[in-house]
């Protein structure tokens, strides 16, 4: 490429040399030139002929060089067109990829928002489930609280008399047949209300006749006598019963008390009993 660039300069230099060597003095007149031509018989001098040939050669070389340069320019133009098309294709692909990336980003943002919405919805569902679970647990406890009933006899086994004592004594019914809700304690003889409501209690006592010691018992609520039974015969067996319906608050205590100087009897047939159950809550 560097030789092609220097070639025009060399050709111009050659033309300049030929022009100088063939030039005549400007002071010569036209008569001198004509006289010179007549003397030489109209022939061109060898130096001038050589210069003319050199000029023609240079012109032919320049023509060939220009033709080659034109071809090279055409090749460069075609290459440039190809590169331009490739650049346009790359630009289109870039724009398409940019649009696709923007779509992916938008979709990712939408997915992220959807995930956040689902997380929030899941948290709300969990909170609602916790509330529902708490309500179910409360209803379960309430349902269990509504299922309250007990029944017990005085002696766990065998037979025997209870009393007489010179003071009132709490009766502990140890043979438990039913204790739904576990509100009755067979170790203390106390029934403790777990819910506020209306309860019904029944008690039956049995004893031997005596001229001095009756068969008597008292139902007590929070230390206060509510109802009582009393039977006194000089001989034989004797039995007394009673029942009561009470409104109890949570923590109220109901139990049976043996009256002072009285006695009761129980055996494997369980004649002396204490029972109660919840009618409804309040």
C-alpha atoms as a PDB file:
ATOM      1  CA  UNK A   1       0.000   0.000   0.000  1.00  0.00           C
ATOM      2  CA  UNK A   2       2.943   2.339   0.752  1.00  0.00           C
ATOM      3  CA  UNK A   3       4.445   1.668  -2.753  1.00  0.00           C
ATOM      4  CA  UNK A   4       1.130   2.586  -4.392  1.00  0.00           C
ATOM      5  CA  UNK A   5       1.104   5.847  -2.460  1.00  0.00           C
ATOM      6  CA  UNK A   6       4.682   6.738  -3.570  1.00  0.00           C
ATOM      7  CA  UNK A   7       4.124   5.845  -7.252  1.00  0.00           C
ATOM      8  CA  UNK A   8       2.267   9.093  -8.197  1.00  0.00           C
ATOM      9  CA  UNK A   9       5.057  11.158  -6.678  1.00  0.00           C
ATOM     10  CA  UNK A  10       7.696   9.299  -8.717  1.00  0.00           C
ATOM     11  CA  UNK A  11       5.723   9.745 -11.927  1.00  0.00           C
ATOM     12  CA  UNK A  12       5.339  13.463 -11.322  1.00  0.00           C
ATOM     13  CA  UNK A  13       9.059  13.754 -10.649  1.00  0.00           C
ATOM     14  CA  UNK A  14       9.814  11.964 -13.943  1.00  0.00           C
ATOM     15  CA  UNK A  15       7.549  14.320 -15.880  1.00  0.00           C
ATOM     16  CA  UNK A  16       9.260  17.280 -14.304  1.00  0.00           C
ATOM     17  CA  UNK A  17      12.728  16.047 -15.380  1.00  0.00           C
ATOM     18  CA  UNK A  18      11.566  15.387 -18.911  1.00  0.00           C
ATOM     19  CA  UNK A  19      10.007  18.812 -19.171  1.00  0.00           C
ATOM     20  CA  UNK A  20      13.209  20.549 -18.061  1.00  0.00           C
ATOM     21  CA  UNK A  21      15.522  18.612 -20.394  1.00  0.00           C
ATOM     22  CA  UNK A  22      13.278  19.235 -23.435  1.00  0.00           C
ATOM     23  CA  UNK A  23      12.514  22.885 -22.785  1.00  0.00           C
ATOM     24  CA  UNK A  24      14.094  25.544 -25.187  1.00  0.00           C
ATOM     25  CA  UNK A  25      15.266  28.976 -24.158  1.00  0.00           C
ATOM     26  CA  UNK A  26      12.303  31.302 -24.079  1.00  0.00           C
ATOM     27  CA  UNK A  27      14.330  34.045 -25.864  1.00  0.00           C
ATOM     28  CA  UNK A  28      14.475  32.031 -29.103  1.00  0.00           C
ATOM     29  CA  UNK A  29      12.181  33.298 -31.779  1.00  0.00           C
ATOM     30  CA  UNK A  30       9.861  31.447 -34.037  1.00  0.00           C
ATOM     31  CA  UNK A  31      12.265  31.990 -37.017  1.00  0.00           C
ATOM     32  CA  UNK A  32      15.021  30.264 -35.091  1.00  0.00           C
ATOM     33  CA  UNK A  33      12.730  27.344 -34.404  1.00  0.00           C
ATOM     34  CA  UNK A  34      11.702  27.104 -38.076  1.00  0.00           C
ATOM     35  CA  UNK A  35      15.326  27.389 -39.222  1.00  0.00           C
ATOM     36  CA  UNK A  36      16.230  24.646 -36.876  1.00  0.00           C
ATOM     37  CA  UNK A  37      13.472  22.437 -38.220  1.00  0.00           C
ATOM     38  CA  UNK A  38      14.599  23.041 -41.836  1.00  0.00           C
ATOM     39  CA  UNK A  39      18.198  22.143 -40.983  1.00  0.00           C
ATOM     40  CA  UNK A  40      17.164  18.929 -39.234  1.00  0.00           C
ATOM     41  CA  UNK A  41      14.736  18.026 -41.989  1.00  0.00           C
ATOM     42  CA  UNK A  42      11.720  18.235 -39.645  1.00  0.00           C
ATOM     43  CA  UNK A  43      13.046  15.421 -37.367  1.00  0.00           C
ATOM     44  CA  UNK A  44      12.517  15.397 -33.612  1.00  0.00           C
ATOM     45  CA  UNK A  45      15.646  15.307 -31.529  1.00  0.00           C
ATOM     46  CA  UNK A  46      16.443  12.061 -29.735  1.00  0.00           C
ATOM     47  CA  UNK A  47      16.094  13.644 -26.258  1.00  0.00           C
ATOM     48  CA  UNK A  48      12.620  14.880 -27.049  1.00  0.00           C
ATOM     49  CA  UNK A  49      11.610  11.505 -28.427  1.00  0.00           C
ATOM     50  CA  UNK A  50      12.866   9.733 -25.333  1.00  0.00           C
ATOM     51  CA  UNK A  51      10.998  12.159 -23.071  1.00  0.00           C
ATOM     52  CA  UNK A  52       7.810  11.625 -25.031  1.00  0.00           C
ATOM     53  CA  UNK A  53       8.136   7.899 -24.714  1.00  0.00           C
ATOM     54  CA  UNK A  54       8.753   8.226 -21.012  1.00  0.00           C
ATOM     55  CA  UNK A  55       5.670  10.401 -20.639  1.00  0.00           C
ATOM     56  CA  UNK A  56       3.557   7.861 -22.504  1.00  0.00           C
ATOM     57  CA  UNK A  57       4.934   5.103 -20.341  1.00  0.00           C
ATOM     58  CA  UNK A  58       4.163   7.136 -17.249  1.00  0.00           C
ATOM     59  CA  UNK A  59       0.658   7.820 -18.487  1.00  0.00           C
ATOM     60  CA  UNK A  60       0.126   4.146 -19.175  1.00  0.00           C
ATOM     61  CA  UNK A  61       1.433   3.271 -15.723  1.00  0.00           C
ATOM     62  CA  UNK A  62      -0.814   5.889 -14.146  1.00  0.00           C
ATOM     63  CA  UNK A  63      -3.788   4.569 -16.113  1.00  0.00           C
ATOM     64  CA  UNK A  64      -3.043   1.046 -14.919  1.00  0.00           C
ATOM     65  CA  UNK A  65      -2.531   2.325 -11.388  1.00  0.00           C
ATOM     66  CA  UNK A  66      -5.817   4.255 -11.519  1.00  0.00           C
ATOM     67  CA  UNK A  67      -7.615   1.189 -12.867  1.00  0.00           C
ATOM     68  CA  UNK A  68      -6.191  -0.936 -10.057  1.00  0.00           C
ATOM     69  CA  UNK A  69      -7.030   1.754  -7.519  1.00  0.00           C
ATOM     70  CA  UNK A  70     -10.570   1.875  -8.876  1.00  0.00           C
ATOM     71  CA  UNK A  71     -10.909  -1.886  -8.507  1.00  0.00           C
ATOM     72  CA  UNK A  72      -9.501  -1.687  -4.989  1.00  0.00           C
ATOM     73  CA  UNK A  73     -11.940   1.110  -4.133  1.00  0.00           C
ATOM     74  CA  UNK A  74     -14.790  -1.024  -5.455  1.00  0.00           C
ATOM     75  CA  UNK A  75     -13.612  -3.904  -3.276  1.00  0.00           C
ATOM     76  CA  UNK A  76     -13.406  -1.577  -0.294  1.00  0.00           C
ATOM     77  CA  UNK A  77     -16.901  -0.265  -1.028  1.00  0.00           C
ATOM     78  CA  UNK A  78     -18.274  -3.824  -1.218  1.00  0.00           C
ATOM     79  CA  UNK A  79     -16.462  -4.696   2.015  1.00  0.00           C
ATOM     80  CA  UNK A  80     -17.853  -1.547   3.584  1.00  0.00           C
ATOM     81  CA  UNK A  81     -21.369  -2.467   2.461  1.00  0.00           C
ATOM     82  CA  UNK A  82     -20.957  -5.943   3.924  1.00  0.00           C
ATOM     83  CA  UNK A  83     -19.656  -4.501   7.200  1.00  0.00           C
ATOM     84  CA  UNK A  84     -22.508  -1.991   7.233  1.00  0.00           C
ATOM     85  CA  UNK A  85     -25.052  -4.787   6.803  1.00  0.00           C
ATOM     86  CA  UNK A  86     -23.350  -6.822   9.503  1.00  0.00           C
ATOM     87  CA  UNK A  87     -23.388  -3.783  11.795  1.00  0.00           C
ATOM     88  CA  UNK A  88     -27.082  -3.226  11.067  1.00  0.00           C
ATOM     89  CA  UNK A  89     -27.762  -6.907  11.748  1.00  0.00           C
ATOM     90  CA  UNK A  90     -25.834  -6.713  15.023  1.00  0.00           C
ATOM     91  CA  UNK A  91     -27.709  -3.545  15.930  1.00  0.00           C
ATOM     92  CA  UNK A  92     -31.029  -5.237  15.236  1.00  0.00           C
ATOM     93  CA  UNK A  93     -29.998  -8.265  17.284  1.00  0.00           C
ATOM     94  CA  UNK A  94     -28.881  -5.959  20.090  1.00  0.00           C
ATOM     95  CA  UNK A  95     -32.193  -4.114  20.030  1.00  0.00           C
ATOM     96  CA  UNK A  96     -34.079  -7.423  19.977  1.00  0.00           C
ATOM     97  CA  UNK A  97     -32.029  -8.717  22.908  1.00  0.00           C
ATOM     98  CA  UNK A  98     -32.514  -5.427  24.746  1.00  0.00           C
ATOM     99  CA  UNK A  99     -36.271  -5.675  24.219  1.00  0.00           C
ATOM    100  CA  UNK A 100     -36.204  -9.321  25.322  1.00  0.00           C
ATOM    101  CA  UNK A 101     -34.174  -8.397  28.409  1.00  0.00           C
ATOM    102  CA  UNK A 102     -36.626  -5.622  29.232  1.00  0.00           C
ATOM    103  CA  UNK A 103     -39.484  -8.107  28.875  1.00  0.00           C
ATOM    104  CA  UNK A 104     -37.672 -10.582  31.138  1.00  0.00           C
ATOM    105  CA  UNK A 105     -37.055  -7.831  33.702  1.00  0.00           C
ATOM    106  CA  UNK A 106     -40.705  -6.809  33.573  1.00  0.00           C
ATOM    107  CA  UNK A 107     -41.753 -10.430  33.956  1.00  0.00           C
ATOM    108  CA  UNK A 108     -39.333 -10.838  36.863  1.00  0.00           C
ATOM    109  CA  UNK A 109     -40.758  -7.744  38.546  1.00  0.00           C
ATOM    110  CA  UNK A 110     -44.258  -9.088  37.974  1.00  0.00           C
ATOM    111  CA  UNK A 111     -43.247 -12.456  39.385  1.00  0.00           C
ATOM    112  CA  UNK A 112     -41.622 -10.770  42.383  1.00  0.00           C
ATOM    113  CA  UNK A 113     -44.751  -8.736  43.017  1.00  0.00           C
ATOM    114  CA  UNK A 114     -46.837 -11.883  42.665  1.00  0.00           C
ATOM    115  CA  UNK A 115     -44.577 -13.710  45.128  1.00  0.00           C
ATOM    116  CA  UNK A 116     -44.840 -10.821  47.595  1.00  0.00           C
ATOM    117  CA  UNK A 117     -48.609 -10.850  47.196  1.00  0.00           C
ATOM    118  CA  UNK A 118     -48.668 -14.606  47.771  1.00  0.00           C
ATOM    119  CA  UNK A 119     -46.443 -14.216  50.840  1.00  0.00           C
ATOM    120  CA  UNK A 120     -48.791 -11.574  52.219  1.00  0.00           C
ATOM    121  CA  UNK A 121     -51.773 -13.749  51.406  1.00  0.00           C
ATOM    122  CA  UNK A 122     -50.096 -16.733  53.072  1.00  0.00           C
ATOM    123  CA  UNK A 123     -49.376 -14.634  56.166  1.00  0.00           C
ATOM    124  CA  UNK A 124     -53.027 -13.551  56.248  1.00  0.00           C
ATOM    125  CA  UNK A 125     -54.138 -17.169  55.846  1.00  0.00           C
ATOM    126  CA  UNK A 126     -51.800 -18.235  58.658  1.00  0.00           C
ATOM    127  CA  UNK A 127     -53.117 -15.467  60.896  1.00  0.00           C
ATOM    128  CA  UNK A 128     -56.669 -16.464  60.049  1.00  0.00           C
ATOM    129  CA  UNK A 129     -55.797 -20.107  60.684  1.00  0.00           C
ATOM    130  CA  UNK A 130     -54.323 -19.178  64.062  1.00  0.00           C
ATOM    131  CA  UNK A 131     -57.487 -17.273  64.953  1.00  0.00           C
ATOM    132  CA  UNK A 132     -59.607 -20.180  63.782  1.00  0.00           C
ATOM    133  CA  UNK A 133     -57.453 -22.602  65.737  1.00  0.00           C
ATOM    134  CA  UNK A 134     -57.804 -20.444  68.833  1.00  0.00           C
ATOM    135  CA  UNK A 135     -61.555 -20.342  68.351  1.00  0.00           C
ATOM    136  CA  UNK A 136     -61.692 -24.078  67.842  1.00  0.00           C
ATOM    137  CA  UNK A 137     -59.622 -24.597  70.970  1.00  0.00           C
ATOM    138  CA  UNK A 138     -61.892 -22.251  72.898  1.00  0.00           C
ATOM    139  CA  UNK A 139     -64.958 -24.073  71.577  1.00  0.00           C
ATOM    140  CA  UNK A 140     -63.361 -27.404  72.428  1.00  0.00           C
ATOM    141  CA  UNK A 141     -62.649 -26.245  75.952  1.00  0.00           C
ATOM    142  CA  UNK A 142     -66.096 -24.791  76.217  1.00  0.00           C
ATOM    143  CA  UNK A 143     -67.552 -28.050  74.925  1.00  0.00           C
ATOM    144  CA  UNK A 144     -65.489 -29.999  77.408  1.00  0.00           C
ATOM    145  CA  UNK A 145     -66.536 -27.620  80.159  1.00  0.00           C
ATOM    146  CA  UNK A 146     -70.172 -28.186  79.268  1.00  0.00           C
ATOM    147  CA  UNK A 147     -69.682 -31.923  79.703  1.00  0.00           C
ATOM    148  CA  UNK A 148     -69.519 -32.133  83.486  1.00  0.00           C
ATOM    149  CA  UNK A 149     -70.916 -34.990  85.571  1.00  0.00           C
ATOM    150  CA  UNK A 150     -69.804 -37.111  88.507  1.00  0.00           C
ATOM    151  CA  UNK A 151     -71.138 -39.838  90.778  1.00  0.00           C
ATOM    152  CA  UNK A 152     -69.411 -41.490  93.732  1.00  0.00           C
ATOM    153  CA  UNK A 153     -70.090 -43.790  96.695  1.00  0.00           C
ATOM    154  CA  UNK A 154     -68.675 -43.378 100.190  1.00  0.00           C
ATOM    155  CA  UNK A 155     -66.399 -46.440 100.523  1.00  0.00           C
ATOM    156  CA  UNK A 156     -63.909 -47.571  97.942  1.00  0.00           C
ATOM    157  CA  UNK A 157     -64.361 -51.205  99.051  1.00  0.00           C
ATOM    158  CA  UNK A 158     -65.642 -53.339 101.919  1.00  0.00           C
ATOM    159  CA  UNK A 159     -68.284 -52.165 104.369  1.00  0.00           C
ATOM    160  CA  UNK A 160     -68.350 -50.002 107.485  1.00  0.00           C
ATOM    161  CA  UNK A 161     -69.744 -47.087 109.433  1.00  0.00           C
ATOM    162  CA  UNK A 162     -68.634 -43.472 109.099  1.00  0.00           C
ATOM    163  CA  UNK A 163     -69.047 -41.614 112.426  1.00  0.00           C
ATOM    164  CA  UNK A 164     -70.273 -40.613 114.812  1.00  0.00           C
ATOM    165  CA  UNK A 165     -68.014 -37.570 115.458  1.00  0.00           C
ATOM    166  CA  UNK A 166     -68.547 -34.749 117.897  1.00  0.00           C
ATOM    167  CA  UNK A 167     -68.108 -32.110 115.114  1.00  0.00           C
ATOM    168  CA  UNK A 168     -69.250 -31.680 111.529  1.00  0.00           C
ATOM    169  CA  UNK A 169     -66.962 -33.663 109.228  1.00  0.00           C
ATOM    170  CA  UNK A 170     -66.437 -33.504 105.456  1.00  0.00           C
ATOM    171  CA  UNK A 171     -67.548 -36.676 103.711  1.00  0.00           C
ATOM    172  CA  UNK A 172     -65.123 -37.985 101.111  1.00  0.00           C
ATOM    173  CA  UNK A 173     -66.780 -40.247  98.539  1.00  0.00           C
ATOM    174  CA  UNK A 174     -63.921 -42.387  97.264  1.00  0.00           C
ATOM    175  CA  UNK A 175     -65.609 -44.924  94.971  1.00  0.00           C
ATOM    176  CA  UNK A 176     -65.968 -42.848  91.801  1.00  0.00           C
ATOM    177  CA  UNK A 177     -68.045 -44.328  88.986  1.00  0.00           C
ATOM    178  CA  UNK A 178     -68.222 -41.214  86.793  1.00  0.00           C
ATOM    179  CA  UNK A 179     -66.114 -38.057  86.761  1.00  0.00           C
ATOM    180  CA  UNK A 180     -66.465 -36.352  83.371  1.00  0.00           C
ATOM    181  CA  UNK A 181     -64.513 -33.117  83.411  1.00  0.00           C
ATOM    182  CA  UNK A 182     -62.660 -34.121  86.622  1.00  0.00           C
ATOM    183  CA  UNK A 183     -64.392 -31.398  88.616  1.00  0.00           C
ATOM    184  CA  UNK A 184     -64.871 -33.750  91.580  1.00  0.00           C
ATOM    185  CA  UNK A 185     -61.869 -34.737  93.733  1.00  0.00           C
ATOM    186  CA  UNK A 186     -62.064 -38.244  95.316  1.00  0.00           C
ATOM    187  CA  UNK A 187     -59.201 -37.312  97.640  1.00  0.00           C
ATOM    188  CA  UNK A 188     -60.890 -34.255  99.212  1.00  0.00           C
ATOM    189  CA  UNK A 189     -64.604 -34.859  98.474  1.00  0.00           C
ATOM    190  CA  UNK A 190     -64.902 -31.356  96.927  1.00  0.00           C
ATOM    191  CA  UNK A 191     -66.626 -30.451  93.665  1.00  0.00           C
ATOM    192  CA  UNK A 192     -65.189 -27.256  92.136  1.00  0.00           C
ATOM    193  CA  UNK A 193     -67.163 -25.530  89.360  1.00  0.00           C
ATOM    194  CA  UNK A 194     -64.942 -24.965  86.270  1.00  0.00           C
ATOM    195  CA  UNK A 195     -67.553 -22.810  84.474  1.00  0.00           C
ATOM    196  CA  UNK A 196     -70.364 -20.537  85.485  1.00  0.00           C
ATOM    197  CA  UNK A 197     -73.645 -22.370  85.126  1.00  0.00           C
ATOM    198  CA  UNK A 198     -76.572 -24.165  86.668  1.00  0.00           C
ATOM    199  CA  UNK A 199     -75.788 -27.500  88.345  1.00  0.00           C
ATOM    200  CA  UNK A 200     -77.924 -30.221  89.883  1.00  0.00           C
ATOM    201  CA  UNK A 201     -76.795 -32.313  92.852  1.00  0.00           C
ATOM    202  CA  UNK A 202     -78.306 -35.376  94.577  1.00  0.00           C
ATOM    203  CA  UNK A 203     -77.215 -37.205  97.720  1.00  0.00           C
ATOM    204  CA  UNK A 204     -78.422 -40.417  99.384  1.00  0.00           C
ATOM    205  CA  UNK A 205     -77.339 -41.658 102.820  1.00  0.00           C
ATOM    206  CA  UNK A 206     -77.956 -44.946 104.617  1.00  0.00           C
ATOM    207  CA  UNK A 207     -77.445 -45.887 108.271  1.00  0.00           C
ATOM    208  CA  UNK A 208     -78.405 -48.165 111.142  1.00  0.00           C
ATOM    209  CA  UNK A 209     -81.135 -47.241 113.580  1.00  0.00           C
ATOM    210  CA  UNK A 210     -80.029 -45.911 116.961  1.00  0.00           C
ATOM    211  CA  UNK A 211     -81.672 -44.226 119.921  1.00  0.00           C
ATOM    212  CA  UNK A 212     -78.800 -41.769 120.259  1.00  0.00           C
ATOM    213  CA  UNK A 213     -77.184 -41.260 116.771  1.00  0.00           C
ATOM    214  CA  UNK A 214     -79.273 -40.250 113.770  1.00  0.00           C
ATOM    215  CA  UNK A 215     -78.361 -40.686 110.072  1.00  0.00           C
ATOM    216  CA  UNK A 216     -77.878 -37.096 108.861  1.00  0.00           C
ATOM    217  CA  UNK A 217     -75.841 -35.182 106.244  1.00  0.00           C
ATOM    218  CA  UNK A 218     -75.646 -31.632 104.882  1.00  0.00           C
ATOM    219  CA  UNK A 219     -74.925 -30.281 101.353  1.00  0.00           C
ATOM    220  CA  UNK A 220     -72.624 -27.267 101.633  1.00  0.00           C
ATOM    221  CA  UNK A 221     -71.760 -24.532  99.089  1.00  0.00           C
ATOM    222  CA  UNK A 222     -68.697 -22.404  99.875  1.00  0.00           C
ATOM    223  CA  UNK A 223     -69.023 -23.270 103.571  1.00  0.00           C
ATOM    224  CA  UNK A 224     -72.738 -22.443 103.735  1.00  0.00           C
ATOM    225  CA  UNK A 225     -75.353 -25.115 104.429  1.00  0.00           C
ATOM    226  CA  UNK A 226     -77.806 -25.465 101.533  1.00  0.00           C
ATOM    227  CA  UNK A 227     -79.892 -28.635 101.995  1.00  0.00           C
ATOM    228  CA  UNK A 228     -79.849 -31.453 104.559  1.00  0.00           C
ATOM    229  CA  UNK A 229     -81.155 -34.969 105.227  1.00  0.00           C
ATOM    230  CA  UNK A 230     -82.053 -36.433 108.591  1.00  0.00           C
ATOM    231  CA  UNK A 231     -83.420 -39.799 109.731  1.00  0.00           C
ATOM    232  CA  UNK A 232     -83.556 -41.289 113.233  1.00  0.00           C
ATOM    233  CA  UNK A 233     -85.020 -44.677 114.143  1.00  0.00           C
ATOM    234  CA  UNK A 234     -84.274 -46.759 117.201  1.00  0.00           C
ATOM    235  CA  UNK A 235     -83.481 -49.853 115.172  1.00  0.00           C
ATOM    236  CA  UNK A 236     -83.235 -51.333 111.655  1.00  0.00           C
ATOM    237  CA  UNK A 237     -81.911 -49.662 108.554  1.00  0.00           C
ATOM    238  CA  UNK A 238     -82.747 -46.077 107.643  1.00  0.00           C
ATOM    239  CA  UNK A 239     -82.167 -43.983 104.538  1.00  0.00           C
ATOM    240  CA  UNK A 240     -82.560 -40.332 103.562  1.00  0.00           C
ATOM    241  CA  UNK A 241     -82.199 -38.478 100.249  1.00  0.00           C
ATOM    242  CA  UNK A 242     -82.305 -34.957  98.890  1.00  0.00           C
ATOM    243  CA  UNK A 243     -81.378 -32.917  95.850  1.00  0.00           C
ATOM    244  CA  UNK A 244     -80.810 -29.321  94.793  1.00  0.00           C
ATOM    245  CA  UNK A 245     -80.181 -27.153  91.703  1.00  0.00           C
ATOM    246  CA  UNK A 246     -77.616 -24.369  92.155  1.00  0.00           C
ATOM    247  CA  UNK A 247     -76.190 -21.489  90.133  1.00  0.00           C
ATOM    248  CA  UNK A 248     -72.429 -21.690  90.566  1.00  0.00           C
ATOM    249  CA  UNK A 249     -69.689 -19.320  89.532  1.00  0.00           C
ATOM    250  CA  UNK A 250     -66.250 -20.469  88.492  1.00  0.00           C
ATOM    251  CA  UNK A 251     -64.400 -21.729  91.560  1.00  0.00           C
ATOM    252  CA  UNK A 252     -67.464 -22.311  93.736  1.00  0.00           C
ATOM    253  CA  UNK A 253     -67.106 -25.423  95.921  1.00  0.00           C
ATOM    254  CA  UNK A 254     -69.846 -27.921  96.793  1.00  0.00           C
ATOM    255  CA  UNK A 255     -69.395 -30.884  99.155  1.00  0.00           C
ATOM    256  CA  UNK A 256     -71.195 -33.135 101.674  1.00  0.00           C
ATOM    257  CA  UNK A 257     -70.753 -32.788 105.417  1.00  0.00           C
ATOM    258  CA  UNK A 258     -71.592 -35.431 108.098  1.00  0.00           C
ATOM    259  CA  UNK A 259     -73.593 -33.873 110.860  1.00  0.00           C
ATOM    260  CA  UNK A 260     -72.049 -33.940 114.340  1.00  0.00           C
ATOM    261  CA  UNK A 261     -73.000 -37.002 116.449  1.00  0.00           C
ATOM    262  CA  UNK A 262     -74.532 -38.747 113.432  1.00  0.00           C
ATOM    263  CA  UNK A 263     -73.377 -41.684 111.416  1.00  0.00           C
ATOM    264  CA  UNK A 264     -73.807 -43.356 108.021  1.00  0.00           C
ATOM    265  CA  UNK A 265     -73.072 -46.792 106.663  1.00  0.00           C
ATOM    266  CA  UNK A 266     -71.853 -48.071 103.309  1.00  0.00           C
ATOM    267  CA  UNK A 267     -70.919 -51.437 101.840  1.00  0.00           C
ATOM    268  CA  UNK A 268     -70.316 -53.126  98.499  1.00  0.00           C
ATOM    269  CA  UNK A 269     -73.861 -52.254  97.421  1.00  0.00           C
ATOM    270  CA  UNK A 270     -72.982 -48.518  97.731  1.00  0.00           C
ATOM    271  CA  UNK A 271     -76.062 -47.115  99.500  1.00  0.00           C
ATOM    272  CA  UNK A 272     -74.437 -43.771 100.452  1.00  0.00           C
ATOM    273  CA  UNK A 273     -73.753 -41.696  97.326  1.00  0.00           C
ATOM    274  CA  UNK A 274     -73.130 -38.163  96.081  1.00  0.00           C
ATOM    275  CA  UNK A 275     -73.784 -37.093  92.442  1.00  0.00           C
ATOM    276  CA  UNK A 276     -73.943 -33.921  90.353  1.00  0.00           C
ATOM    277  CA  UNK A 277     -73.863 -32.597  86.805  1.00  0.00           C
ATOM    278  CA  UNK A 278     -73.975 -29.361  84.810  1.00  0.00           C
ATOM    279  CA  UNK A 279     -77.357 -28.494  83.336  1.00  0.00           C
ATOM    280  CA  UNK A 280     -76.244 -25.492  81.244  1.00  0.00           C
ATOM    281  CA  UNK A 281     -73.737 -22.665  81.281  1.00  0.00           C
ATOM    282  CA  UNK A 282     -74.580 -19.046  82.068  1.00  0.00           C
END
